[in-house]
């Protein structure tokens, strides 16, 4: 169930990331064969995005969230970058983090989801 909810959520994030970060998306440089081909990142792109995300770029962190969660099915890293995006971004990123963390296997992460949910609902 967790993977199903997570996959649906990441599909939306991937669509947003694709439109907002065309420089990081190979789909603009080559023909996409699979449905998730536009989520592919080279090691160099991952390094660039990680540096940008750790320097405060919410869109870079969101792109990493999509890459790890949907393309690689690496939910631990997806959760990590969801939190970084929430820390760097605004209400949307905070709500994304809440949604992802509430499906976590970790009780601690599920509790933290409540924090991000309160933050994204705050006026």
PDB file of N, CA and C in Angstrom:
ATOM      1  N   UNK A   1       0.832  -1.191   0.000  1.00  0.00           N
ATOM      2  CA  UNK A   1       0.000   0.000   0.000  1.00  0.00           C
ATOM      3  C   UNK A   1       0.872   1.248   0.000  1.00  0.00           C
ATOM      4  N   UNK A   2       1.920   1.230   0.818  1.00  0.00           N
ATOM      5  CA  UNK A   2       2.793   2.391   0.909  1.00  0.00           C
ATOM      6  C   UNK A   2       3.382   2.739  -0.451  1.00  0.00           C
ATOM      7  N   UNK A   3       3.842   1.730  -1.159  1.00  0.00           N
ATOM      8  CA  UNK A   3       4.462   1.944  -2.461  1.00  0.00           C
ATOM      9  C   UNK A   3       3.450   2.483  -3.462  1.00  0.00           C
ATOM     10  N   UNK A   4       2.197   2.027  -3.378  1.00  0.00           N
ATOM     11  CA  UNK A   4       1.160   2.473  -4.308  1.00  0.00           C
ATOM     12  C   UNK A   4       0.856   3.964  -4.115  1.00  0.00           C
ATOM     13  N   UNK A   5       0.662   4.380  -2.861  1.00  0.00           N
ATOM     14  CA  UNK A   5       0.399   5.788  -2.552  1.00  0.00           C
ATOM     15  C   UNK A   5       1.593   6.639  -2.935  1.00  0.00           C
ATOM     16  N   UNK A   6       2.766   6.141  -2.597  1.00  0.00           N
ATOM     17  CA  UNK A   6       3.999   6.859  -2.880  1.00  0.00           C
ATOM     18  C   UNK A   6       4.181   7.040  -4.387  1.00  0.00           C
ATOM     19  N   UNK A   7       3.895   5.996  -5.159  1.00  0.00           N
ATOM     20  CA  UNK A   7       4.048   6.057  -6.612  1.00  0.00           C
ATOM     21  C   UNK A   7       3.108   7.070  -7.229  1.00  0.00           C
ATOM     22  N   UNK A   8       1.864   7.111  -6.763  1.00  0.00           N
ATOM     23  CA  UNK A   8       0.907   8.089  -7.285  1.00  0.00           C
ATOM     24  C   UNK A   8       1.383   9.504  -6.988  1.00  0.00           C
ATOM     25  N   UNK A   9       1.844   9.710  -5.778  1.00  0.00           N
ATOM     26  CA  UNK A   9       2.319  11.032  -5.398  1.00  0.00           C
ATOM     27  C   UNK A   9       3.531  11.430  -6.231  1.00  0.00           C
ATOM     28  N   UNK A  10       4.451  10.505  -6.401  1.00  0.00           N
ATOM     29  CA  UNK A  10       5.655  10.810  -7.157  1.00  0.00           C
ATOM     30  C   UNK A  10       5.369  11.069  -8.625  1.00  0.00           C
ATOM     31  N   UNK A  11       4.325  10.477  -9.147  1.00  0.00           N
ATOM     32  CA  UNK A  11       3.938  10.742 -10.528  1.00  0.00           C
ATOM     33  C   UNK A  11       3.624  12.224 -10.702  1.00  0.00           C
ATOM     34  N   UNK A  12       2.889  12.793  -9.750  1.00  0.00           N
ATOM     35  CA  UNK A  12       2.561  14.225  -9.795  1.00  0.00           C
ATOM     36  C   UNK A  12       3.822  15.065  -9.649  1.00  0.00           C
ATOM     37  N   UNK A  13       4.677  14.706  -8.704  1.00  0.00           N
ATOM     38  CA  UNK A  13       5.923  15.432  -8.499  1.00  0.00           C
ATOM     39  C   UNK A  13       6.782  15.367  -9.754  1.00  0.00           C
ATOM     40  N   UNK A  14       6.834  14.205 -10.376  1.00  0.00           N
ATOM     41  CA  UNK A  14       7.642  14.047 -11.594  1.00  0.00           C
ATOM     42  C   UNK A  14       7.140  14.949 -12.701  1.00  0.00           C
ATOM     43  N   UNK A  15       5.841  15.056 -12.831  1.00  0.00           N
ATOM     44  CA  UNK A  15       5.281  15.920 -13.865  1.00  0.00           C
ATOM     45  C   UNK A  15       5.666  17.372 -13.610  1.00  0.00           C
ATOM     46  N   UNK A  16       5.570  17.789 -12.358  1.00  0.00           N
ATOM     47  CA  UNK A  16       5.942  19.166 -12.008  1.00  0.00           C
ATOM     48  C   UNK A  16       7.433  19.390 -12.249  1.00  0.00           C
ATOM     49  N   UNK A  17       8.248  18.445 -11.810  1.00  0.00           N
ATOM     50  CA  UNK A  17       9.700  18.583 -11.973  1.00  0.00           C
ATOM     51  C   UNK A  17      10.092  18.624 -13.440  1.00  0.00           C
ATOM     52  N   UNK A  18       9.407  17.849 -14.249  1.00  0.00           N
ATOM     53  CA  UNK A  18       9.723  17.826 -15.672  1.00  0.00           C
ATOM     54  C   UNK A  18       9.483  19.188 -16.310  1.00  0.00           C
ATOM     55  N   UNK A  19       8.429  19.834 -15.908  1.00  0.00           N
ATOM     56  CA  UNK A  19       8.101  21.133 -16.503  1.00  0.00           C
ATOM     57  C   UNK A  19       8.917  22.267 -15.906  1.00  0.00           C
ATOM     58  N   UNK A  20       9.360  22.120 -14.663  1.00  0.00           N
ATOM     59  CA  UNK A  20      10.072  23.222 -14.016  1.00  0.00           C
ATOM     60  C   UNK A  20      11.584  23.138 -14.134  1.00  0.00           C
ATOM     61  N   UNK A  21      12.119  21.976 -14.445  1.00  0.00           N
ATOM     62  CA  UNK A  21      13.561  21.814 -14.518  1.00  0.00           C
ATOM     63  C   UNK A  21      14.005  21.190 -15.840  1.00  0.00           C
ATOM     64  N   UNK A  22      13.692  21.800 -16.978  1.00  0.00           N
ATOM     65  CA  UNK A  22      14.041  21.166 -18.243  1.00  0.00           C
ATOM     66  C   UNK A  22      15.533  20.969 -18.443  1.00  0.00           C
ATOM     67  N   UNK A  23      16.369  21.759 -17.822  1.00  0.00           N
ATOM     68  CA  UNK A  23      17.810  21.597 -17.975  1.00  0.00           C
ATOM     69  C   UNK A  23      18.339  20.309 -17.374  1.00  0.00           C
ATOM     70  N   UNK A  24      17.587  19.743 -16.426  1.00  0.00           N
ATOM     71  CA  UNK A  24      18.023  18.522 -15.771  1.00  0.00           C
ATOM     72  C   UNK A  24      17.360  17.285 -16.366  1.00  0.00           C
ATOM     73  N   UNK A  25      16.517  17.451 -17.335  1.00  0.00           N
ATOM     74  CA  UNK A  25      15.703  16.346 -17.842  1.00  0.00           C
ATOM     75  C   UNK A  25      16.189  15.890 -19.206  1.00  0.00           C
ATOM     76  N   UNK A  26      16.594  14.619 -19.295  1.00  0.00           N
ATOM     77  CA  UNK A  26      17.081  14.081 -20.564  1.00  0.00           C
ATOM     78  C   UNK A  26      15.988  13.977 -21.615  1.00  0.00           C
ATOM     79  N   UNK A  27      14.729  14.031 -21.204  1.00  0.00           N
ATOM     80  CA  UNK A  27      13.635  13.923 -22.175  1.00  0.00           C
ATOM     81  C   UNK A  27      13.678  15.072 -23.178  1.00  0.00           C
ATOM     82  N   UNK A  28      14.267  16.184 -22.802  1.00  0.00           N
ATOM     83  CA  UNK A  28      14.377  17.313 -23.708  1.00  0.00           C
ATOM     84  C   UNK A  28      15.559  17.137 -24.662  1.00  0.00           C
ATOM     85  N   UNK A  29      16.424  16.164 -24.384  1.00  0.00           N
ATOM     86  CA  UNK A  29      17.611  15.953 -25.191  1.00  0.00           C
ATOM     87  C   UNK A  29      17.526  14.684 -26.037  1.00  0.00           C
ATOM     88  N   UNK A  30      16.627  13.771 -25.700  1.00  0.00           N
ATOM     89  CA  UNK A  30      16.518  12.520 -26.433  1.00  0.00           C
ATOM     90  C   UNK A  30      15.075  12.043 -26.422  1.00  0.00           C
ATOM     91  N   UNK A  31      14.758  11.107 -27.287  1.00  0.00           N
ATOM     92  CA  UNK A  31      13.424  10.548 -27.344  1.00  0.00           C
ATOM     93  C   UNK A  31      13.221   9.598 -26.163  1.00  0.00           C
ATOM     94  N   UNK A  32      12.107   9.755 -25.453  1.00  0.00           N
ATOM     95  CA  UNK A  32      11.804   8.917 -24.306  1.00  0.00           C
ATOM     96  C   UNK A  32      11.164   7.619 -24.785  1.00  0.00           C
ATOM     97  N   UNK A  33      11.711   6.502 -24.339  1.00  0.00           N
ATOM     98  CA  UNK A  33      11.187   5.198 -24.730  1.00  0.00           C
ATOM     99  C   UNK A  33      10.229   4.675 -23.667  1.00  0.00           C
ATOM    100  N   UNK A  34      10.599   4.779 -22.403  1.00  0.00           N
ATOM    101  CA  UNK A  34       9.734   4.307 -21.327  1.00  0.00           C
ATOM    102  C   UNK A  34       8.990   5.482 -20.708  1.00  0.00           C
ATOM    103  N   UNK A  35       7.959   5.169 -19.950  1.00  0.00           N
ATOM    104  CA  UNK A  35       7.143   6.204 -19.324  1.00  0.00           C
ATOM    105  C   UNK A  35       7.871   7.010 -18.268  1.00  0.00           C
ATOM    106  N   UNK A  36       8.897   6.452 -17.665  1.00  0.00           N
ATOM    107  CA  UNK A  36       9.623   7.181 -16.635  1.00  0.00           C
ATOM    108  C   UNK A  36      11.032   7.566 -17.081  1.00  0.00           C
ATOM    109  N   UNK A  37      11.289   7.517 -18.362  1.00  0.00           N
ATOM    110  CA  UNK A  37      12.605   7.870 -18.890  1.00  0.00           C
ATOM    111  C   UNK A  37      13.002   9.306 -18.618  1.00  0.00           C
ATOM    112  N   UNK A  38      12.015  10.177 -18.511  1.00  0.00           N
ATOM    113  CA  UNK A  38      12.333  11.574 -18.243  1.00  0.00           C
ATOM    114  C   UNK A  38      12.767  11.805 -16.803  1.00  0.00           C
ATOM    115  N   UNK A  39      12.701  10.793 -15.970  1.00  0.00           N
ATOM    116  CA  UNK A  39      13.155  10.904 -14.588  1.00  0.00           C
ATOM    117  C   UNK A  39      14.612  10.500 -14.416  1.00  0.00           C
ATOM    118  N   UNK A  40      15.195   9.946 -15.460  1.00  0.00           N
ATOM    119  CA  UNK A  40      16.581   9.496 -15.395  1.00  0.00           C
ATOM    120  C   UNK A  40      17.519  10.665 -15.129  1.00  0.00           C
ATOM    121  N   UNK A  41      18.511  10.419 -14.295  1.00  0.00           N
ATOM    122  CA  UNK A  41      19.574  11.390 -14.044  1.00  0.00           C
ATOM    123  C   UNK A  41      20.910  10.669 -14.150  1.00  0.00           C
ATOM    124  N   UNK A  42      21.863  11.321 -14.763  1.00  0.00           N
ATOM    125  CA  UNK A  42      23.222  10.783 -14.774  1.00  0.00           C
ATOM    126  C   UNK A  42      23.845  11.041 -13.404  1.00  0.00           C
ATOM    127  N   UNK A  43      24.969  10.390 -13.144  1.00  0.00           N
ATOM    128  CA  UNK A  43      25.665  10.621 -11.868  1.00  0.00           C
ATOM    129  C   UNK A  43      26.055  12.082 -11.734  1.00  0.00           C
ATOM    130  N   UNK A  44      26.462  12.690 -12.832  1.00  0.00           N
ATOM    131  CA  UNK A  44      26.838  14.103 -12.821  1.00  0.00           C
ATOM    132  C   UNK A  44      25.638  14.988 -12.474  1.00  0.00           C
ATOM    133  N   UNK A  45      24.478  14.681 -13.045  1.00  0.00           N
ATOM    134  CA  UNK A  45      23.277  15.458 -12.750  1.00  0.00           C
ATOM    135  C   UNK A  45      22.862  15.284 -11.293  1.00  0.00           C
ATOM    136  N   UNK A  46      22.980  14.064 -10.781  1.00  0.00           N
ATOM    137  CA  UNK A  46      22.648  13.819  -9.374  1.00  0.00           C
ATOM    138  C   UNK A  46      23.566  14.659  -8.493  1.00  0.00           C
ATOM    139  N   UNK A  47      24.856  14.662  -8.788  1.00  0.00           N
ATOM    140  CA  UNK A  47      25.808  15.459  -8.008  1.00  0.00           C
ATOM    141  C   UNK A  47      25.452  16.942  -8.048  1.00  0.00           C
ATOM    142  N   UNK A  48      25.151  17.460  -9.239  1.00  0.00           N
ATOM    143  CA  UNK A  48      24.780  18.875  -9.386  1.00  0.00           C
ATOM    144  C   UNK A  48      23.523  19.196  -8.584  1.00  0.00           C
ATOM    145  N   UNK A  49      22.511  18.339  -8.712  1.00  0.00           N
ATOM    146  CA  UNK A  49      21.259  18.571  -8.004  1.00  0.00           C
ATOM    147  C   UNK A  49      21.438  18.474  -6.495  1.00  0.00           C
ATOM    148  N   UNK A  50      22.251  17.535  -6.040  1.00  0.00           N
ATOM    149  CA  UNK A  50      22.492  17.412  -4.607  1.00  0.00           C
ATOM    150  C   UNK A  50      23.154  18.669  -4.058  1.00  0.00           C
ATOM    151  N   UNK A  51      24.150  19.182  -4.771  1.00  0.00           N
ATOM    152  CA  UNK A  51      24.818  20.414  -4.335  1.00  0.00           C
ATOM    153  C   UNK A  51      23.827  21.564  -4.295  1.00  0.00           C
ATOM    154  N   UNK A  52      23.022  21.693  -5.340  1.00  0.00           N
ATOM    155  CA  UNK A  52      22.043  22.782  -5.400  1.00  0.00           C
ATOM    156  C   UNK A  52      21.007  22.641  -4.288  1.00  0.00           C
ATOM    157  N   UNK A  53      20.532  21.430  -4.063  1.00  0.00           N
ATOM    158  CA  UNK A  53      19.525  21.201  -3.023  1.00  0.00           C
ATOM    159  C   UNK A  53      20.083  21.515  -1.640  1.00  0.00           C
ATOM    160  N   UNK A  54      21.303  21.092  -1.391  1.00  0.00           N
ATOM    161  CA  UNK A  54      21.916  21.363  -0.095  1.00  0.00           C
ATOM    162  C   UNK A  54      22.261  22.831   0.090  1.00  0.00           C
ATOM    163  N   UNK A  55      22.328  23.569  -1.024  1.00  0.00           N
ATOM    164  CA  UNK A  55      22.538  25.024  -0.967  1.00  0.00           C
ATOM    165  C   UNK A  55      21.227  25.799  -0.907  1.00  0.00           C
ATOM    166  N   UNK A  56      20.085  25.090  -0.835  1.00  0.00           N
ATOM    167  CA  UNK A  56      18.811  25.769  -0.636  1.00  0.00           C
ATOM    168  C   UNK A  56      17.838  25.734  -1.799  1.00  0.00           C
ATOM    169  N   UNK A  57      18.134  25.012  -2.854  1.00  0.00           N
ATOM    170  CA  UNK A  57      17.268  24.951  -4.027  1.00  0.00           C
ATOM    171  C   UNK A  57      16.185  23.887  -3.837  1.00  0.00           C
ATOM    172  N   UNK A  58      14.941  24.333  -3.611  1.00  0.00           N
ATOM    173  CA  UNK A  58      13.830  23.410  -3.376  1.00  0.00           C
ATOM    174  C   UNK A  58      13.494  22.606  -4.620  1.00  0.00           C
ATOM    175  N   UNK A  59      13.603  23.205  -5.794  1.00  0.00           N
ATOM    176  CA  UNK A  59      13.293  22.484  -7.027  1.00  0.00           C
ATOM    177  C   UNK A  59      14.290  21.358  -7.284  1.00  0.00           C
ATOM    178  N   UNK A  60      15.542  21.589  -6.968  1.00  0.00           N
ATOM    179  CA  UNK A  60      16.558  20.538  -7.130  1.00  0.00           C
ATOM    180  C   UNK A  60      16.262  19.371  -6.190  1.00  0.00           C
ATOM    181  N   UNK A  61      15.883  19.684  -4.954  1.00  0.00           N
ATOM    182  CA  UNK A  61      15.545  18.630  -3.994  1.00  0.00           C
ATOM    183  C   UNK A  61      14.308  17.855  -4.444  1.00  0.00           C
ATOM    184  N   UNK A  62      13.339  18.555  -5.003  1.00  0.00           N
ATOM    185  CA  UNK A  62      12.135  17.904  -5.509  1.00  0.00           C
ATOM    186  C   UNK A  62      12.463  17.001  -6.683  1.00  0.00           C
ATOM    187  N   UNK A  63      13.380  17.426  -7.529  1.00  0.00           N
ATOM    188  CA  UNK A  63      13.797  16.593  -8.667  1.00  0.00           C
ATOM    189  C   UNK A  63      14.481  15.324  -8.182  1.00  0.00           C
ATOM    190  N   UNK A  64      15.304  15.433  -7.135  1.00  0.00           N
ATOM    191  CA  UNK A  64      15.947  14.263  -6.543  1.00  0.00           C
ATOM    192  C   UNK A  64      14.913  13.337  -5.894  1.00  0.00           C
ATOM    193  N   UNK A  65      13.925  13.923  -5.264  1.00  0.00           N
ATOM    194  CA  UNK A  65      12.832  13.144  -4.695  1.00  0.00           C
ATOM    195  C   UNK A  65      12.165  12.303  -5.780  1.00  0.00           C
ATOM    196  N   UNK A  66      11.881  12.899  -6.913  1.00  0.00           N
ATOM    197  CA  UNK A  66      11.255  12.175  -8.025  1.00  0.00           C
ATOM    198  C   UNK A  66      12.161  11.080  -8.557  1.00  0.00           C
ATOM    199  N   UNK A  67      13.430  11.407  -8.718  1.00  0.00           N
ATOM    200  CA  UNK A  67      14.395  10.444  -9.241  1.00  0.00           C
ATOM    201  C   UNK A  67      14.503   9.225  -8.331  1.00  0.00           C
ATOM    202  N   UNK A  68      14.725   9.472  -7.037  1.00  0.00           N
ATOM    203  CA  UNK A  68      14.921   8.355  -6.119  1.00  0.00           C
ATOM    204  C   UNK A  68      13.618   7.595  -5.844  1.00  0.00           C
ATOM    205  N   UNK A  69      12.539   8.309  -5.716  1.00  0.00           N
ATOM    206  CA  UNK A  69      11.284   7.651  -5.376  1.00  0.00           C
ATOM    207  C   UNK A  69      10.626   6.926  -6.520  1.00  0.00           C
ATOM    208  N   UNK A  70      10.643   7.517  -7.695  1.00  0.00           N
ATOM    209  CA  UNK A  70       9.903   6.927  -8.807  1.00  0.00           C
ATOM    210  C   UNK A  70      10.799   6.157  -9.765  1.00  0.00           C
ATOM    211  N   UNK A  71      11.906   6.731 -10.136  1.00  0.00           N
ATOM    212  CA  UNK A  71      12.783   6.069 -11.101  1.00  0.00           C
ATOM    213  C   UNK A  71      13.582   4.934 -10.457  1.00  0.00           C
ATOM    214  N   UNK A  72      14.145   5.199  -9.274  1.00  0.00           N
ATOM    215  CA  UNK A  72      14.996   4.198  -8.611  1.00  0.00           C
ATOM    216  C   UNK A  72      14.259   3.353  -7.579  1.00  0.00           C
ATOM    217  N   UNK A  73      13.060   3.768  -7.177  1.00  0.00           N
ATOM    218  CA  UNK A  73      12.294   3.098  -6.111  1.00  0.00           C
ATOM    219  C   UNK A  73      13.119   2.981  -4.835  1.00  0.00           C
ATOM    220  N   UNK A  74      13.871   4.013  -4.537  1.00  0.00           N
ATOM    221  CA  UNK A  74      14.711   4.097  -3.344  1.00  0.00           C
ATOM    222  C   UNK A  74      14.001   5.042  -2.373  1.00  0.00           C
ATOM    223  N   UNK A  75      13.096   4.483  -1.564  1.00  0.00           N
ATOM    224  CA  UNK A  75      12.230   5.309  -0.737  1.00  0.00           C
ATOM    225  C   UNK A  75      12.962   6.014   0.393  1.00  0.00           C
ATOM    226  N   UNK A  76      14.037   5.443   0.883  1.00  0.00           N
ATOM    227  CA  UNK A  76      14.806   6.103   1.949  1.00  0.00           C
ATOM    228  C   UNK A  76      15.392   7.417   1.431  1.00  0.00           C
ATOM    229  N   UNK A  77      16.013   7.382   0.247  1.00  0.00           N
ATOM    230  CA  UNK A  77      16.548   8.613  -0.323  1.00  0.00           C
ATOM    231  C   UNK A  77      15.444   9.570  -0.741  1.00  0.00           C
ATOM    232  N   UNK A  78      14.326   9.036  -1.205  1.00  0.00           N
ATOM    233  CA  UNK A  78      13.196   9.898  -1.580  1.00  0.00           C
ATOM    234  C   UNK A  78      12.701  10.672  -0.361  1.00  0.00           C
ATOM    235  N   UNK A  79      12.578   9.988   0.773  1.00  0.00           N
ATOM    236  CA  UNK A  79      12.162  10.661   2.006  1.00  0.00           C
ATOM    237  C   UNK A  79      13.162  11.745   2.390  1.00  0.00           C
ATOM    238  N   UNK A  80      14.432  11.427   2.273  1.00  0.00           N
ATOM    239  CA  UNK A  80      15.487  12.396   2.609  1.00  0.00           C
ATOM    240  C   UNK A  80      15.326  13.675   1.792  1.00  0.00           C
ATOM    241  N   UNK A  81      15.166  13.525   0.477  1.00  0.00           N
ATOM    242  CA  UNK A  81      15.082  14.709  -0.381  1.00  0.00           C
ATOM    243  C   UNK A  81      13.733  15.411  -0.258  1.00  0.00           C
ATOM    244  N   UNK A  82      12.700  14.697   0.162  1.00  0.00           N
ATOM    245  CA  UNK A  82      11.408  15.345   0.426  1.00  0.00           C
ATOM    246  C   UNK A  82      11.555  16.314   1.598  1.00  0.00           C
ATOM    247  N   UNK A  83      12.283  15.881   2.612  1.00  0.00           N
ATOM    248  CA  UNK A  83      12.503  16.745   3.778  1.00  0.00           C
ATOM    249  C   UNK A  83      13.385  17.939   3.409  1.00  0.00           C
ATOM    250  N   UNK A  84      14.421  17.713   2.624  1.00  0.00           N
ATOM    251  CA  UNK A  84      15.280  18.817   2.179  1.00  0.00           C
ATOM    252  C   UNK A  84      14.458  19.811   1.366  1.00  0.00           C
ATOM    253  N   UNK A  85      13.607  19.318   0.480  1.00  0.00           N
ATOM    254  CA  UNK A  85      12.749  20.207  -0.318  1.00  0.00           C
ATOM    255  C   UNK A  85      11.827  21.015   0.597  1.00  0.00           C
ATOM    256  N   UNK A  86      11.273  20.370   1.617  1.00  0.00           N
ATOM    257  CA  UNK A  86      10.389  21.068   2.560  1.00  0.00           C
ATOM    258  C   UNK A  86      11.147  22.140   3.329  1.00  0.00           C
ATOM    259  N   UNK A  87      12.364  21.816   3.726  1.00  0.00           N
ATOM    260  CA  UNK A  87      13.171  22.801   4.448  1.00  0.00           C
ATOM    261  C   UNK A  87      13.524  23.982   3.556  1.00  0.00           C
ATOM    262  N   UNK A  88      13.746  23.726   2.280  1.00  0.00           N
ATOM    263  CA  UNK A  88      14.165  24.777   1.343  1.00  0.00           C
ATOM    264  C   UNK A  88      13.005  25.531   0.734  1.00  0.00           C
ATOM    265  N   UNK A  89      11.843  24.924   0.678  1.00  0.00           N
ATOM    266  CA  UNK A  89      10.742  25.471  -0.101  1.00  0.00           C
ATOM    267  C   UNK A  89       9.632  26.061   0.730  1.00  0.00           C
ATOM    268  N   UNK A  90       8.471  26.041   0.111  1.00  0.00           N
ATOM    269  CA  UNK A  90       7.300  26.631   0.736  1.00  0.00           C
ATOM    270  C   UNK A  90       6.253  25.589   1.075  1.00  0.00           C
ATOM    271  N   UNK A  91       5.021  26.027   1.018  1.00  0.00           N
ATOM    272  CA  UNK A  91       3.897  25.214   1.439  1.00  0.00           C
ATOM    273  C   UNK A  91       3.781  23.923   0.626  1.00  0.00           C
ATOM    274  N   UNK A  92       3.929  23.992  -0.680  1.00  0.00           N
ATOM    275  CA  UNK A  92       3.802  22.795  -1.511  1.00  0.00           C
ATOM    276  C   UNK A  92       4.821  21.736  -1.122  1.00  0.00           C
ATOM    277  N   UNK A  93       6.060  22.140  -0.944  1.00  0.00           N
ATOM    278  CA  UNK A  93       7.108  21.188  -0.575  1.00  0.00           C
ATOM    279  C   UNK A  93       6.863  20.601   0.812  1.00  0.00           C
ATOM    280  N   UNK A  94       6.334  21.417   1.730  1.00  0.00           N
ATOM    281  CA  UNK A  94       6.022  20.930   3.068  1.00  0.00           C
ATOM    282  C   UNK A  94       4.896  19.908   3.032  1.00  0.00           C
ATOM    283  N   UNK A  95       3.885  20.158   2.209  1.00  0.00           N
ATOM    284  CA  UNK A  95       2.785  19.201   2.063  1.00  0.00           C
ATOM    285  C   UNK A  95       3.267  17.918   1.395  1.00  0.00           C
ATOM    286  N   UNK A  96       4.175  18.044   0.440  1.00  0.00           N
ATOM    287  CA  UNK A  96       4.760  16.858  -0.198  1.00  0.00           C
ATOM    288  C   UNK A  96       5.490  16.005   0.829  1.00  0.00           C
ATOM    289  N   UNK A  97       6.281  16.649   1.676  1.00  0.00           N
ATOM    290  CA  UNK A  97       7.029  15.914   2.706  1.00  0.00           C
ATOM    291  C   UNK A  97       6.067  15.207   3.657  1.00  0.00           C
ATOM    292  N   UNK A  98       5.004  15.886   4.047  1.00  0.00           N
ATOM    293  CA  UNK A  98       4.020  15.273   4.939  1.00  0.00           C
ATOM    294  C   UNK A  98       3.400  14.040   4.294  1.00  0.00           C
ATOM    295  N   UNK A  99       3.056  14.155   3.032  1.00  0.00           N
ATOM    296  CA  UNK A  99       2.435  13.041   2.315  1.00  0.00           C
ATOM    297  C   UNK A  99       3.380  11.850   2.206  1.00  0.00           C
ATOM    298  N   UNK A 100       4.628  12.108   1.905  1.00  0.00           N
ATOM    299  CA  UNK A 100       5.598  11.030   1.751  1.00  0.00           C
ATOM    300  C   UNK A 100       5.934  10.392   3.096  1.00  0.00           C
ATOM    301  N   UNK A 101       6.190  11.217   4.091  1.00  0.00           N
ATOM    302  CA  UNK A 101       6.586  10.684   5.390  1.00  0.00           C
ATOM    303  C   UNK A 101       5.473   9.891   6.075  1.00  0.00           C
ATOM    304  N   UNK A 102       4.221  10.236   5.804  1.00  0.00           N
ATOM    305  CA  UNK A 102       3.138   9.502   6.466  1.00  0.00           C
ATOM    306  C   UNK A 102       3.022   8.066   5.961  1.00  0.00           C
ATOM    307  N   UNK A 103       3.647   7.758   4.824  1.00  0.00           N
ATOM    308  CA  UNK A 103       3.631   6.390   4.293  1.00  0.00           C
ATOM    309  C   UNK A 103       4.897   5.618   4.652  1.00  0.00           C
ATOM    310  N   UNK A 104       5.758   6.211   5.444  1.00  0.00           N
ATOM    311  CA  UNK A 104       7.034   5.598   5.787  1.00  0.00           C
ATOM    312  C   UNK A 104       6.862   4.367   6.680  1.00  0.00           C
ATOM    313  N   UNK A 105       7.849   3.484   6.607  1.00  0.00           N
ATOM    314  CA  UNK A 105       7.889   2.334   7.512  1.00  0.00           C
ATOM    315  C   UNK A 105       8.323   2.759   8.915  1.00  0.00           C
ATOM    316  N   UNK A 106       8.975   3.908   8.996  1.00  0.00           N
ATOM    317  CA  UNK A 106       9.507   4.397  10.262  1.00  0.00           C
ATOM    318  C   UNK A 106       8.433   5.158  11.049  1.00  0.00           C
ATOM    319  N   UNK A 107       8.254   4.757  12.297  1.00  0.00           N
ATOM    320  CA  UNK A 107       7.293   5.448  13.157  1.00  0.00           C
ATOM    321  C   UNK A 107       7.733   6.901  13.372  1.00  0.00           C
ATOM    322  N   UNK A 108       9.020   7.106  13.500  1.00  0.00           N
ATOM    323  CA  UNK A 108       9.561   8.455  13.678  1.00  0.00           C
ATOM    324  C   UNK A 108       9.235   9.342  12.473  1.00  0.00           C
ATOM    325  N   UNK A 109       9.406   8.811  11.277  1.00  0.00           N
ATOM    326  CA  UNK A 109       9.105   9.569  10.058  1.00  0.00           C
ATOM    327  C   UNK A 109       7.608   9.879   9.974  1.00  0.00           C
ATOM    328  N   UNK A 110       6.772   8.912  10.344  1.00  0.00           N
ATOM    329  CA  UNK A 110       5.322   9.148  10.315  1.00  0.00           C
ATOM    330  C   UNK A 110       4.938  10.239  11.312  1.00  0.00           C
ATOM    331  N   UNK A 111       5.607  10.274  12.448  1.00  0.00           N
ATOM    332  CA  UNK A 111       5.337  11.331  13.421  1.00  0.00           C
ATOM    333  C   UNK A 111       5.780  12.683  12.857  1.00  0.00           C
ATOM    334  N   UNK A 112       6.924  12.698  12.201  1.00  0.00           N
ATOM    335  CA  UNK A 112       7.439  13.938  11.601  1.00  0.00           C
ATOM    336  C   UNK A 112       6.504  14.441  10.497  1.00  0.00           C
ATOM    337  N   UNK A 113       5.781  13.535   9.858  1.00  0.00           N
ATOM    338  CA  UNK A 113       4.806  13.919   8.833  1.00  0.00           C
ATOM    339  C   UNK A 113       3.780  14.884   9.426  1.00  0.00           C
ATOM    340  N   UNK A 114       3.400  14.646  10.668  1.00  0.00           N
ATOM    341  CA  UNK A 114       2.459  15.549  11.336  1.00  0.00           C
ATOM    342  C   UNK A 114       3.009  16.961  11.457  1.00  0.00           C
ATOM    343  N   UNK A 115       4.293  17.072  11.739  1.00  0.00           N
ATOM    344  CA  UNK A 115       4.934  18.387  11.819  1.00  0.00           C
ATOM    345  C   UNK A 115       4.819  19.127  10.492  1.00  0.00           C
ATOM    346  N   UNK A 116       5.174  18.430   9.390  1.00  0.00           N
ATOM    347  CA  UNK A 116       5.139  19.083   8.076  1.00  0.00           C
ATOM    348  C   UNK A 116       3.707  19.396   7.653  1.00  0.00           C
ATOM    349  N   UNK A 117       2.760  18.563   8.067  1.00  0.00           N
ATOM    350  CA  UNK A 117       1.377  18.832   7.742  1.00  0.00           C
ATOM    351  C   UNK A 117       0.896  20.098   8.439  1.00  0.00           C
ATOM    352  N   UNK A 118       1.271  20.266   9.700  1.00  0.00           N
ATOM    353  CA  UNK A 118       0.916  21.495  10.430  1.00  0.00           C
ATOM    354  C   UNK A 118       1.547  22.707   9.779  1.00  0.00           C
ATOM    355  N   UNK A 119       2.810  22.573   9.359  1.00  0.00           N
ATOM    356  CA  UNK A 119       3.515  23.688   8.712  1.00  0.00           C
ATOM    357  C   UNK A 119       2.830  24.089   7.406  1.00  0.00           C
ATOM    358  N   UNK A 120       2.402  23.119   6.622  1.00  0.00           N
ATOM    359  CA  UNK A 120       1.831  23.461   5.323  1.00  0.00           C
ATOM    360  C   UNK A 120       0.409  23.976   5.453  1.00  0.00           C
ATOM    361  N   UNK A 121      -0.233  23.705   6.582  1.00  0.00           N
ATOM    362  CA  UNK A 121      -1.588  24.205   6.805  1.00  0.00           C
ATOM    363  C   UNK A 121      -1.607  25.555   7.535  1.00  0.00           C
ATOM    364  N   UNK A 122      -0.471  25.946   8.096  1.00  0.00           N
ATOM    365  CA  UNK A 122      -0.404  27.191   8.863  1.00  0.00           C
ATOM    366  C   UNK A 122      -0.623  28.395   7.948  1.00  0.00           C
ATOM    367  N   UNK A 123      -1.312  29.410   8.474  1.00  0.00           N
ATOM    368  CA  UNK A 123      -1.569  30.623   7.648  1.00  0.00           C
ATOM    369  C   UNK A 123      -0.326  31.439   7.392  1.00  0.00           C
TER     370      UNK A 123
END
